[in-house]
N, C-alpha and C. Protein backbone atom coordinates (compact mmCIF):
# COMPACT_ATOMS: atom_id res chain seq x y z
N SER A 1 38.09 94.18 215.53
CA SER A 1 38.28 92.97 214.73
C SER A 1 38.53 93.33 213.27
N VAL A 2 39.31 92.51 212.61
CA VAL A 2 39.56 92.63 211.18
C VAL A 2 39.18 91.31 210.53
N TYR A 3 38.31 91.35 209.51
CA TYR A 3 37.89 90.15 208.81
C TYR A 3 38.69 90.01 207.51
N MET A 4 38.99 88.76 207.16
CA MET A 4 39.77 88.49 205.95
C MET A 4 39.22 87.26 205.27
N GLY A 5 39.25 87.26 203.94
CA GLY A 5 38.87 86.09 203.17
C GLY A 5 40.03 85.60 202.33
N ASP A 6 40.17 84.29 202.25
CA ASP A 6 41.19 83.67 201.41
C ASP A 6 40.54 83.34 200.08
N ASP A 7 40.78 84.20 199.08
CA ASP A 7 40.09 84.11 197.79
C ASP A 7 40.60 82.93 196.98
N SER A 8 40.15 81.76 197.37
CA SER A 8 40.49 80.55 196.64
C SER A 8 39.37 79.55 196.89
N ARG A 9 39.20 78.62 195.96
CA ARG A 9 38.09 77.67 196.06
C ARG A 9 38.31 76.72 197.24
N GLY A 10 37.34 76.71 198.15
CA GLY A 10 37.41 75.81 199.29
C GLY A 10 38.30 76.31 200.41
N GLU A 11 38.53 77.63 200.48
CA GLU A 11 39.36 78.17 201.57
C GLU A 11 38.48 78.90 202.59
N TYR A 12 39.10 79.67 203.49
CA TYR A 12 38.43 80.05 204.73
C TYR A 12 38.23 81.54 204.91
N ILE A 13 37.33 81.85 205.86
CA ILE A 13 37.14 83.22 206.36
C ILE A 13 37.82 83.31 207.72
N TYR A 14 38.59 84.39 207.90
CA TYR A 14 39.36 84.58 209.13
C TYR A 14 38.93 85.87 209.84
N LYS A 15 39.21 85.90 211.14
CA LYS A 15 39.03 87.11 211.93
C LYS A 15 40.27 87.32 212.79
N PHE A 16 40.79 88.55 212.78
CA PHE A 16 41.92 88.89 213.63
C PHE A 16 41.43 89.85 214.71
N VAL A 17 41.67 89.51 215.96
CA VAL A 17 41.27 90.36 217.08
C VAL A 17 42.54 90.93 217.71
N SER A 18 42.65 92.25 217.65
CA SER A 18 43.84 92.93 218.14
C SER A 18 43.90 92.92 219.67
N ASP A 19 45.12 92.85 220.18
CA ASP A 19 45.31 93.01 221.62
C ASP A 19 45.15 94.47 222.04
N ALA A 20 45.37 95.39 221.09
CA ALA A 20 45.30 96.83 221.40
C ALA A 20 43.85 97.29 221.43
N LEU A 21 43.50 98.12 222.38
CA LEU A 21 42.16 98.69 222.46
C LEU A 21 42.07 99.91 221.56
N TRP A 22 40.93 100.10 220.95
CA TRP A 22 40.74 101.19 220.01
C TRP A 22 40.83 102.54 220.70
N ASP A 23 41.55 103.45 220.08
CA ASP A 23 41.67 104.83 220.54
C ASP A 23 41.01 105.71 219.50
N ALA A 24 39.93 106.38 219.86
CA ALA A 24 39.18 107.20 218.90
C ALA A 24 40.03 108.29 218.28
N ALA A 25 41.11 108.67 218.94
CA ALA A 25 41.98 109.70 218.39
C ALA A 25 42.68 109.22 217.12
N ASP A 26 42.70 107.91 216.88
CA ASP A 26 43.36 107.37 215.69
C ASP A 26 42.45 107.36 214.47
N ALA A 27 41.20 107.71 214.62
CA ALA A 27 40.22 107.55 213.56
C ALA A 27 40.59 108.30 212.29
N THR A 28 41.23 109.44 212.41
CA THR A 28 41.56 110.26 211.24
C THR A 28 43.05 110.30 210.93
N LYS A 29 43.83 109.48 211.59
CA LYS A 29 45.29 109.53 211.41
C LYS A 29 45.80 108.71 210.24
N GLY A 30 45.02 107.76 209.76
CA GLY A 30 45.49 106.90 208.68
C GLY A 30 46.71 106.12 209.09
N THR A 31 47.70 106.03 208.18
CA THR A 31 48.91 105.25 208.47
C THR A 31 49.74 105.86 209.60
N ALA A 32 49.50 107.13 209.91
CA ALA A 32 50.24 107.76 211.00
C ALA A 32 49.90 107.13 212.35
N ALA A 33 48.78 106.42 212.43
CA ALA A 33 48.41 105.75 213.67
C ALA A 33 49.34 104.58 213.97
N GLY A 34 50.09 104.14 212.95
CA GLY A 34 51.04 103.04 213.16
C GLY A 34 50.39 101.68 213.03
N ASP A 35 51.14 100.67 213.44
CA ASP A 35 50.68 99.29 213.25
C ASP A 35 50.22 98.63 214.54
N LYS A 36 49.94 99.42 215.55
CA LYS A 36 49.65 98.83 216.86
C LYS A 36 48.42 97.95 216.87
N TYR A 37 47.46 98.19 215.95
CA TYR A 37 46.25 97.39 215.95
C TYR A 37 46.44 96.05 215.24
N LEU A 38 47.49 95.92 214.45
CA LEU A 38 47.75 94.68 213.73
C LEU A 38 49.02 93.99 214.21
N ASP A 39 49.72 94.61 215.13
CA ASP A 39 51.01 94.08 215.56
C ASP A 39 50.87 92.84 216.43
N LYS A 40 49.88 92.84 217.33
CA LYS A 40 49.68 91.70 218.22
C LYS A 40 48.19 91.42 218.34
N GLY A 41 47.87 90.12 218.37
CA GLY A 41 46.48 89.73 218.51
C GLY A 41 46.31 88.24 218.24
N THR A 42 45.06 87.84 218.02
CA THR A 42 44.75 86.43 217.80
C THR A 42 44.02 86.26 216.48
N LEU A 43 44.47 85.28 215.70
CA LEU A 43 43.83 84.95 214.44
C LEU A 43 42.85 83.80 214.67
N TYR A 44 41.64 83.96 214.13
CA TYR A 44 40.61 82.93 214.23
C TYR A 44 40.16 82.53 212.83
N VAL A 45 39.59 81.33 212.72
CA VAL A 45 39.02 80.87 211.46
C VAL A 45 37.57 80.50 211.71
N GLY A 46 36.72 80.71 210.70
CA GLY A 46 35.28 80.54 210.88
C GLY A 46 34.79 79.13 210.64
N LYS A 47 33.87 78.72 211.52
CA LYS A 47 33.17 77.45 211.39
C LYS A 47 31.68 77.75 211.36
N PHE A 48 31.04 77.50 210.21
CA PHE A 48 29.63 77.80 210.00
C PHE A 48 28.84 76.50 210.13
N LYS A 49 28.03 76.39 211.16
CA LYS A 49 27.33 75.15 211.45
C LYS A 49 25.97 75.10 210.77
N ALA A 50 25.47 73.90 210.58
CA ALA A 50 24.24 73.70 209.82
C ALA A 50 23.01 74.30 210.49
N ASP A 51 23.05 74.50 211.81
CA ASP A 51 21.88 75.04 212.51
C ASP A 51 21.85 76.57 212.51
N GLY A 52 22.74 77.22 211.76
CA GLY A 52 22.76 78.67 211.69
C GLY A 52 23.59 79.34 212.76
N SER A 53 24.25 78.53 213.57
CA SER A 53 25.19 79.09 214.54
C SER A 53 26.61 78.97 213.98
N GLY A 54 27.54 79.67 214.59
CA GLY A 54 28.92 79.60 214.14
C GLY A 54 29.87 79.93 215.26
N GLU A 55 31.13 79.63 215.04
CA GLU A 55 32.14 79.96 216.04
C GLU A 55 33.46 80.30 215.35
N TRP A 56 34.22 81.12 216.04
CA TRP A 56 35.57 81.44 215.60
C TRP A 56 36.53 80.57 216.39
N VAL A 57 37.32 79.77 215.68
CA VAL A 57 38.26 78.85 216.31
C VAL A 57 39.64 79.50 216.30
N ALA A 58 40.25 79.61 217.47
CA ALA A 58 41.55 80.26 217.59
C ALA A 58 42.64 79.43 216.90
N LEU A 59 43.44 80.10 216.07
CA LEU A 59 44.59 79.46 215.44
C LEU A 59 45.82 79.84 216.26
N VAL A 60 45.98 79.15 217.36
CA VAL A 60 47.04 79.42 218.32
C VAL A 60 47.81 78.14 218.58
N HIS A 61 49.10 78.23 218.49
CA HIS A 61 49.94 77.05 218.72
C HIS A 61 49.65 76.47 220.10
N GLY A 62 49.43 75.15 220.13
CA GLY A 62 49.14 74.47 221.39
C GLY A 62 47.68 74.39 221.73
N GLN A 63 46.81 75.09 220.97
CA GLN A 63 45.37 75.03 221.20
C GLN A 63 44.68 74.35 220.02
N ASN A 64 43.53 73.74 220.31
CA ASN A 64 42.68 73.13 219.28
C ASN A 64 43.45 72.13 218.42
N GLY A 65 44.39 71.44 219.03
CA GLY A 65 45.15 70.41 218.33
C GLY A 65 46.28 70.91 217.46
N LEU A 66 46.58 72.19 217.50
CA LEU A 66 47.64 72.76 216.65
C LEU A 66 48.99 72.58 217.34
N THR A 67 49.46 71.35 217.31
CA THR A 67 50.70 70.97 217.97
C THR A 67 51.65 70.31 216.97
N ASP A 68 52.86 70.06 217.41
CA ASP A 68 53.86 69.52 216.48
C ASP A 68 53.57 68.09 216.06
N ASP A 69 52.66 67.39 216.74
CA ASP A 69 52.32 66.03 216.35
C ASP A 69 50.97 65.94 215.64
N ASN A 70 50.46 67.07 215.16
CA ASN A 70 49.19 67.07 214.44
C ASN A 70 49.32 66.25 213.16
N SER A 71 48.31 65.46 212.83
CA SER A 71 48.38 64.58 211.67
C SER A 71 48.29 65.33 210.35
N VAL A 72 47.76 66.55 210.37
CA VAL A 72 47.65 67.33 209.15
C VAL A 72 48.98 67.99 208.79
N PHE A 73 49.66 68.53 209.81
CA PHE A 73 50.89 69.29 209.58
C PHE A 73 51.58 69.47 210.93
N PRO A 74 52.91 69.44 210.98
CA PRO A 74 53.60 69.65 212.26
C PRO A 74 53.65 71.14 212.63
N PHE A 75 52.69 71.57 213.45
CA PHE A 75 52.63 72.97 213.89
C PHE A 75 53.59 73.14 215.07
N THR A 76 54.84 73.44 214.75
CA THR A 76 55.90 73.46 215.76
C THR A 76 56.00 74.79 216.50
N SER A 77 55.31 75.82 216.02
CA SER A 77 55.39 77.14 216.64
C SER A 77 54.21 77.97 216.16
N GLN A 78 54.03 79.14 216.77
CA GLN A 78 52.97 80.04 216.30
C GLN A 78 53.25 80.51 214.88
N ALA A 79 54.52 80.70 214.56
CA ALA A 79 54.88 81.10 213.19
C ALA A 79 54.44 80.04 212.20
N ALA A 80 54.60 78.76 212.54
CA ALA A 80 54.18 77.68 211.65
C ALA A 80 52.67 77.69 211.47
N VAL A 81 51.93 77.99 212.53
CA VAL A 81 50.47 78.07 212.44
C VAL A 81 50.05 79.17 211.48
N LEU A 82 50.67 80.34 211.59
CA LEU A 82 50.28 81.48 210.77
C LEU A 82 50.71 81.31 209.31
N VAL A 83 51.91 80.79 209.10
CA VAL A 83 52.38 80.58 207.73
C VAL A 83 51.53 79.52 207.03
N ALA A 84 51.15 78.50 207.77
CA ALA A 84 50.34 77.41 207.22
C ALA A 84 48.89 77.55 207.68
N ALA A 85 48.34 78.77 207.58
CA ALA A 85 46.99 79.03 208.09
C ALA A 85 45.95 78.17 207.39
N ARG A 86 46.12 77.90 206.11
CA ARG A 86 45.17 77.04 205.41
C ARG A 86 45.15 75.64 206.02
N LEU A 87 46.33 75.11 206.29
CA LEU A 87 46.42 73.78 206.90
C LEU A 87 45.89 73.79 208.33
N ALA A 88 46.10 74.91 209.03
CA ALA A 88 45.55 75.03 210.38
C ALA A 88 44.03 75.03 210.32
N GLY A 89 43.46 75.71 209.32
CA GLY A 89 42.01 75.67 209.14
C GLY A 89 41.51 74.27 208.87
N ASP A 90 42.25 73.53 208.05
CA ASP A 90 41.90 72.13 207.81
C ASP A 90 41.91 71.34 209.11
N ALA A 91 42.97 71.55 209.91
CA ALA A 91 43.17 70.76 211.13
C ALA A 91 42.07 70.98 212.16
N VAL A 92 41.51 72.20 212.22
CA VAL A 92 40.48 72.49 213.23
C VAL A 92 39.07 72.32 212.68
N GLY A 93 38.95 71.88 211.42
CA GLY A 93 37.63 71.61 210.86
C GLY A 93 36.83 72.85 210.51
N ALA A 94 37.52 73.91 210.05
CA ALA A 94 36.82 75.12 209.63
C ALA A 94 36.00 74.84 208.36
N THR A 95 35.09 75.75 208.03
CA THR A 95 34.20 75.56 206.89
C THR A 95 34.84 76.06 205.61
N LYS A 96 34.96 75.17 204.63
CA LYS A 96 35.54 75.52 203.34
C LYS A 96 34.52 76.33 202.55
N MET A 97 34.91 77.55 202.15
CA MET A 97 33.98 78.49 201.54
C MET A 97 34.23 78.62 200.04
N ASP A 98 33.26 79.25 199.37
CA ASP A 98 33.32 79.41 197.91
C ASP A 98 33.97 80.73 197.52
N ARG A 99 35.29 80.76 197.62
CA ARG A 99 36.10 81.94 197.27
C ARG A 99 35.68 83.19 198.05
N PRO A 100 35.92 83.23 199.34
CA PRO A 100 35.58 84.43 200.12
C PRO A 100 36.46 85.61 199.73
N GLU A 101 35.84 86.73 199.38
CA GLU A 101 36.59 87.89 198.92
C GLU A 101 36.43 89.09 199.86
N TRP A 102 35.50 89.98 199.58
CA TRP A 102 35.36 91.22 200.36
C TRP A 102 34.32 91.04 201.45
N CYS A 103 34.42 91.94 202.44
CA CYS A 103 33.39 91.98 203.47
C CYS A 103 33.13 93.43 203.86
N THR A 104 32.00 93.64 204.52
CA THR A 104 31.65 94.96 205.02
C THR A 104 30.77 94.78 206.25
N VAL A 105 30.77 95.79 207.10
CA VAL A 105 29.94 95.78 208.31
C VAL A 105 28.89 96.86 208.18
N ASN A 106 27.63 96.49 208.34
CA ASN A 106 26.55 97.47 208.28
C ASN A 106 26.66 98.39 209.51
N PRO A 107 26.85 99.69 209.30
CA PRO A 107 27.05 100.58 210.45
C PRO A 107 25.81 100.76 211.31
N LEU A 108 24.64 100.39 210.81
CA LEU A 108 23.40 100.56 211.57
C LEU A 108 23.05 99.32 212.39
N THR A 109 23.41 98.14 211.88
CA THR A 109 23.01 96.90 212.54
C THR A 109 24.18 96.12 213.13
N GLY A 110 25.40 96.38 212.66
CA GLY A 110 26.55 95.60 213.08
C GLY A 110 26.68 94.28 212.37
N GLU A 111 25.78 93.96 211.45
CA GLU A 111 25.86 92.71 210.70
C GLU A 111 27.04 92.75 209.73
N VAL A 112 27.68 91.60 209.57
CA VAL A 112 28.80 91.46 208.65
C VAL A 112 28.33 90.75 207.39
N TYR A 113 28.69 91.29 206.23
CA TYR A 113 28.34 90.70 204.94
C TYR A 113 29.63 90.29 204.24
N PHE A 114 29.66 89.08 203.69
CA PHE A 114 30.86 88.57 203.05
C PHE A 114 30.49 87.97 201.69
N THR A 115 31.24 88.39 200.65
CA THR A 115 30.97 87.85 199.31
C THR A 115 31.71 86.53 199.10
N LEU A 116 30.99 85.58 198.53
CA LEU A 116 31.56 84.29 198.14
C LEU A 116 31.38 84.20 196.63
N THR A 117 32.46 84.45 195.89
CA THR A 117 32.36 84.76 194.47
C THR A 117 31.82 83.61 193.63
N ASN A 118 32.36 82.43 193.76
CA ASN A 118 31.89 81.24 193.06
C ASN A 118 32.81 80.07 193.42
N ASN A 119 32.47 78.89 192.96
CA ASN A 119 33.35 77.74 193.22
C ASN A 119 33.03 76.63 192.22
N SER A 120 33.89 76.50 191.23
CA SER A 120 33.70 75.46 190.22
C SER A 120 34.05 74.07 190.75
N ARG A 121 34.63 74.00 191.96
CA ARG A 121 34.98 72.70 192.54
C ARG A 121 33.94 72.19 193.53
N ARG A 122 32.95 73.00 193.85
CA ARG A 122 31.90 72.55 194.77
C ARG A 122 31.12 71.42 194.11
N VAL A 123 30.92 70.33 194.83
CA VAL A 123 30.24 69.17 194.26
C VAL A 123 29.11 68.72 195.18
N ALA A 124 28.21 67.93 194.62
CA ALA A 124 27.08 67.42 195.38
C ALA A 124 27.36 66.08 196.03
N ALA A 125 28.35 65.35 195.50
CA ALA A 125 28.69 64.03 196.03
C ALA A 125 30.11 63.67 195.65
N SER A 126 30.64 62.64 196.28
CA SER A 126 31.97 62.10 196.00
C SER A 126 33.06 63.17 196.01
N PRO A 127 33.30 63.80 197.15
CA PRO A 127 34.31 64.86 197.20
C PRO A 127 35.72 64.29 197.14
N SER A 128 36.63 65.10 196.63
CA SER A 128 38.05 64.81 196.72
C SER A 128 38.67 65.88 197.60
N SER A 129 39.99 65.85 197.77
CA SER A 129 40.65 66.83 198.62
C SER A 129 40.47 68.25 198.10
N SER A 130 40.22 68.39 196.79
CA SER A 130 40.05 69.72 196.21
C SER A 130 38.61 70.01 195.82
N SER A 131 37.68 69.12 196.18
CA SER A 131 36.29 69.27 195.78
C SER A 131 35.37 69.13 196.99
N PRO A 132 35.13 70.22 197.70
CA PRO A 132 34.29 70.12 198.90
C PRO A 132 32.83 69.86 198.55
N LEU A 133 32.18 69.08 199.40
CA LEU A 133 30.75 68.83 199.26
C LEU A 133 29.95 70.09 199.58
N VAL A 134 28.75 70.17 199.04
CA VAL A 134 27.83 71.24 199.44
C VAL A 134 27.59 71.11 200.94
N ASP A 135 27.38 72.25 201.59
CA ASP A 135 27.06 72.27 203.02
C ASP A 135 26.09 73.41 203.27
N ALA A 136 25.73 73.64 204.50
CA ALA A 136 24.71 74.64 204.81
C ALA A 136 25.13 76.04 204.38
N ALA A 137 26.39 76.40 204.56
CA ALA A 137 26.86 77.74 204.24
C ALA A 137 27.21 77.90 202.76
N ASN A 138 27.39 76.80 202.07
CA ASN A 138 27.72 76.79 200.63
C ASN A 138 26.88 75.70 199.98
N PRO A 139 25.56 75.94 199.83
CA PRO A 139 24.64 74.83 199.59
C PRO A 139 24.34 74.50 198.14
N ARG A 140 24.94 75.21 197.18
CA ARG A 140 24.49 75.00 195.80
C ARG A 140 25.50 74.26 194.94
N TYR A 141 25.01 73.26 194.23
CA TYR A 141 25.70 72.65 193.10
C TYR A 141 24.69 72.57 191.97
N TYR A 142 25.06 73.04 190.79
CA TYR A 142 24.14 73.01 189.66
C TYR A 142 24.94 73.19 188.38
N GLU A 143 24.27 72.98 187.27
CA GLU A 143 24.86 73.23 185.96
C GLU A 143 24.25 74.50 185.39
N ASP A 144 25.10 75.39 184.89
CA ASP A 144 24.65 76.68 184.39
C ASP A 144 25.15 76.83 182.95
N SER A 145 24.24 77.04 182.03
CA SER A 145 24.60 77.14 180.61
C SER A 145 24.70 78.58 180.16
N ASN A 146 25.72 78.84 179.35
CA ASN A 146 25.91 80.15 178.73
C ASN A 146 26.26 79.89 177.27
N GLY A 147 25.23 79.94 176.42
CA GLY A 147 25.44 79.55 175.03
C GLY A 147 25.72 78.06 174.96
N ALA A 148 26.83 77.71 174.29
CA ALA A 148 27.20 76.31 174.15
C ALA A 148 27.99 75.79 175.35
N ALA A 149 28.43 76.70 176.20
CA ALA A 149 29.26 76.31 177.34
C ALA A 149 28.40 76.00 178.57
N THR A 150 28.81 75.01 179.34
CA THR A 150 28.12 74.65 180.58
C THR A 150 29.13 74.64 181.72
N SER A 151 28.82 75.35 182.78
CA SER A 151 29.67 75.38 183.97
C SER A 151 28.97 74.65 185.10
N LYS A 152 29.76 74.08 186.00
CA LYS A 152 29.21 73.32 187.11
C LYS A 152 29.76 73.82 188.44
N GLY A 153 29.03 73.55 189.51
CA GLY A 153 29.44 73.95 190.85
C GLY A 153 28.55 75.06 191.37
N ASN A 154 29.11 75.96 192.15
CA ASN A 154 28.40 77.17 192.55
C ASN A 154 28.88 78.26 191.60
N VAL A 155 28.23 78.35 190.47
CA VAL A 155 28.72 79.17 189.35
C VAL A 155 28.57 80.66 189.62
N ASN A 156 27.48 81.05 190.28
CA ASN A 156 27.15 82.47 190.43
C ASN A 156 27.48 83.06 191.80
N GLY A 157 27.85 82.22 192.76
CA GLY A 157 28.24 82.71 194.07
C GLY A 157 27.07 83.18 194.92
N HIS A 158 27.39 83.65 196.14
CA HIS A 158 26.36 84.15 197.05
C HIS A 158 27.00 85.05 198.10
N ILE A 159 26.15 85.64 198.91
CA ILE A 159 26.60 86.54 199.98
C ILE A 159 26.10 85.98 201.31
N ILE A 160 27.00 85.81 202.25
CA ILE A 160 26.66 85.30 203.57
C ILE A 160 26.74 86.45 204.57
N ARG A 161 25.95 86.39 205.63
CA ARG A 161 26.01 87.44 206.64
C ARG A 161 25.93 86.81 208.03
N TRP A 162 26.45 87.53 208.99
CA TRP A 162 26.37 87.04 210.37
C TRP A 162 26.35 88.19 211.35
N ARG A 163 25.95 87.85 212.57
CA ARG A 163 25.94 88.81 213.66
C ARG A 163 26.71 88.20 214.83
N GLU A 164 27.72 88.92 215.30
CA GLU A 164 28.55 88.45 216.40
C GLU A 164 27.77 88.56 217.72
N ASP A 165 28.12 87.68 218.68
CA ASP A 165 27.49 87.79 220.00
C ASP A 165 28.47 88.25 221.07
N GLY A 166 29.71 88.57 220.66
CA GLY A 166 30.69 89.11 221.60
C GLY A 166 31.53 88.08 222.30
N SER A 167 31.35 86.79 221.98
CA SER A 167 32.12 85.75 222.67
C SER A 167 32.66 84.72 221.69
N ASN A 168 33.05 85.19 220.51
CA ASN A 168 33.55 84.31 219.45
C ASN A 168 32.50 83.31 218.97
N LYS A 169 31.24 83.67 219.18
CA LYS A 169 30.13 82.93 218.61
C LYS A 169 29.36 83.89 217.70
N PHE A 170 28.63 83.34 216.75
CA PHE A 170 27.81 84.20 215.88
C PHE A 170 26.65 83.39 215.33
N THR A 171 25.67 84.10 214.80
CA THR A 171 24.58 83.47 214.07
C THR A 171 24.65 83.95 212.63
N TRP A 172 24.34 83.09 211.69
CA TRP A 172 24.54 83.43 210.29
C TRP A 172 23.35 82.97 209.44
N ASP A 173 23.25 83.58 208.27
CA ASP A 173 22.34 83.10 207.24
C ASP A 173 22.91 83.50 205.89
N ILE A 174 22.28 83.02 204.84
CA ILE A 174 22.67 83.44 203.49
C ILE A 174 21.78 84.59 203.09
N TYR A 175 22.41 85.72 202.80
CA TYR A 175 21.67 86.94 202.49
C TYR A 175 21.09 86.90 201.09
N LEU A 176 21.89 86.42 200.12
CA LEU A 176 21.46 86.50 198.72
C LEU A 176 22.26 85.50 197.89
N PHE A 177 21.56 84.83 196.97
CA PHE A 177 22.22 83.93 196.01
C PHE A 177 22.31 84.64 194.65
N GLY A 178 23.49 84.61 194.03
CA GLY A 178 23.64 85.16 192.70
C GLY A 178 23.03 84.23 191.65
N ALA A 179 22.48 84.83 190.58
CA ALA A 179 21.88 84.04 189.49
C ALA A 179 21.39 84.98 188.40
N GLN A 180 21.17 84.42 187.22
CA GLN A 180 20.44 85.14 186.19
C GLN A 180 18.96 85.13 186.53
N ALA A 181 18.28 86.18 186.12
CA ALA A 181 16.85 86.28 186.44
C ALA A 181 16.04 85.13 185.85
N ASP A 182 16.45 84.63 184.68
CA ASP A 182 15.66 83.59 184.01
C ASP A 182 16.11 82.17 184.36
N ALA A 183 16.97 82.04 185.38
CA ALA A 183 17.45 80.72 185.78
C ALA A 183 16.38 79.99 186.60
N ASP A 184 16.56 78.69 186.72
CA ASP A 184 15.63 77.83 187.46
C ASP A 184 15.46 78.33 188.89
N LEU A 185 14.20 78.61 189.27
CA LEU A 185 13.91 79.13 190.61
C LEU A 185 14.13 78.09 191.70
N ASN A 186 14.05 76.83 191.38
CA ASN A 186 14.17 75.79 192.40
C ASN A 186 15.61 75.42 192.72
N ASN A 187 16.53 75.68 191.80
CA ASN A 187 17.89 75.19 191.98
C ASN A 187 18.95 76.27 191.84
N VAL A 188 18.70 77.28 191.02
CA VAL A 188 19.72 78.30 190.73
C VAL A 188 19.29 79.66 191.26
N ASN A 189 18.21 80.21 190.72
CA ASN A 189 17.74 81.53 191.14
C ASN A 189 16.84 81.41 192.37
N VAL A 190 17.39 80.86 193.42
CA VAL A 190 16.58 80.58 194.61
C VAL A 190 16.24 81.84 195.40
N SER A 191 16.91 82.97 195.12
CA SER A 191 16.56 84.24 195.76
C SER A 191 15.49 84.99 194.98
N GLY A 192 15.07 84.44 193.84
CA GLY A 192 14.02 85.06 193.06
C GLY A 192 14.42 86.41 192.50
N LEU A 193 15.63 86.54 191.99
CA LEU A 193 16.11 87.80 191.43
C LEU A 193 15.39 88.09 190.12
N SER A 194 15.21 89.38 189.85
CA SER A 194 14.56 89.81 188.61
C SER A 194 15.59 90.45 187.69
N ALA A 195 15.14 90.88 186.52
CA ALA A 195 16.04 91.55 185.58
C ALA A 195 16.55 92.87 186.13
N ASN A 196 15.92 93.39 187.16
CA ASN A 196 16.35 94.66 187.76
C ASN A 196 17.45 94.48 188.79
N ASN A 197 17.64 93.26 189.31
CA ASN A 197 18.62 93.12 190.39
C ASN A 197 19.43 91.83 190.32
N ASP A 198 19.38 91.09 189.19
CA ASP A 198 20.17 89.87 189.15
C ASP A 198 21.66 90.19 189.06
N PHE A 199 22.48 89.25 189.50
CA PHE A 199 23.93 89.45 189.51
C PHE A 199 24.61 88.09 189.58
N SER A 200 25.90 88.09 189.31
CA SER A 200 26.69 86.87 189.40
C SER A 200 28.08 87.20 189.91
N SER A 201 28.68 86.28 190.63
CA SER A 201 30.06 86.39 191.12
C SER A 201 30.30 87.68 191.90
N PRO A 202 29.65 87.84 193.06
CA PRO A 202 29.88 89.04 193.88
C PRO A 202 31.33 89.10 194.35
N ASP A 203 31.88 90.30 194.34
CA ASP A 203 33.29 90.49 194.69
C ASP A 203 33.41 91.58 195.74
N GLY A 204 33.54 92.85 195.30
CA GLY A 204 33.58 93.96 196.24
C GLY A 204 32.21 94.19 196.86
N ILE A 205 32.21 94.67 198.11
CA ILE A 205 30.95 94.93 198.80
C ILE A 205 31.18 96.06 199.81
N TYR A 206 30.17 96.93 199.95
CA TYR A 206 30.31 98.07 200.86
C TYR A 206 28.94 98.48 201.38
N ALA A 207 28.82 98.62 202.69
CA ALA A 207 27.61 99.17 203.31
C ALA A 207 27.88 100.64 203.61
N ASP A 208 27.13 101.53 202.97
CA ASP A 208 27.38 102.96 203.15
C ASP A 208 26.77 103.45 204.47
N PRO A 209 26.98 104.71 204.84
CA PRO A 209 26.49 105.20 206.15
C PRO A 209 24.99 105.08 206.34
N ARG A 210 24.23 104.95 205.25
CA ARG A 210 22.78 104.77 205.36
C ARG A 210 22.41 103.32 205.59
N GLY A 211 23.40 102.40 205.47
CA GLY A 211 23.11 100.98 205.56
C GLY A 211 22.77 100.37 204.22
N VAL A 212 22.89 101.13 203.12
CA VAL A 212 22.63 100.61 201.78
C VAL A 212 23.82 99.77 201.34
N LEU A 213 23.53 98.57 200.83
CA LEU A 213 24.60 97.65 200.45
C LEU A 213 24.88 97.76 198.96
N TRP A 214 26.16 98.00 198.64
CA TRP A 214 26.63 98.09 197.26
C TRP A 214 27.42 96.84 196.95
N ILE A 215 27.11 96.20 195.80
CA ILE A 215 27.74 94.93 195.43
C ILE A 215 28.44 95.10 194.09
N GLN A 216 29.71 94.77 194.06
CA GLN A 216 30.51 94.78 192.83
C GLN A 216 30.63 93.35 192.32
N THR A 217 30.42 93.14 191.03
CA THR A 217 30.54 91.79 190.50
C THR A 217 31.90 91.60 189.84
N ASP A 218 32.35 90.36 189.84
CA ASP A 218 33.69 90.01 189.38
C ASP A 218 33.67 89.78 187.87
């Protein structure tokens, strides 16, 4: 599987599952292995449910309502589904995320970690087409002050993680919320970060061979 994030406010996390089976001989070949693992397969979009479960919804023409008479967009072919993947995510009710960027897989546990950098359009009420409401996977709306400036939404971002069950289902939780150490513990610094480990706007992320997670801020 290959995971991808659409780094935009209120967009989606995707998974591509290759039709080709992994050949261990390709592990050290780099680009010489060719494109066989990305040439054919199925693209899925993530739906994160409030009870901590989730599912990958196939973005396949003719499935899950992705047809030429869909009210969101006329998905007339598989090419139309892939080119308009954002609209396909809208049509199947995928979860709008707070700027999904990098991901990594813990080599010891198999857990997937995904950075959600921030979202100034996340709102607590009265959503518009460009302003998604808070939800279980993106639960924060608050005001954050920096000197004379005040920002609103999910200003500091967070990191979400999940574990696959092998059947396009998964269980998820929020691993860590970004915040300043001196921010309100009830609304902003809900992970209880200290001056030794506070962060904001997570971007790059990598789990090393020991399972230690490295976080790059934006």
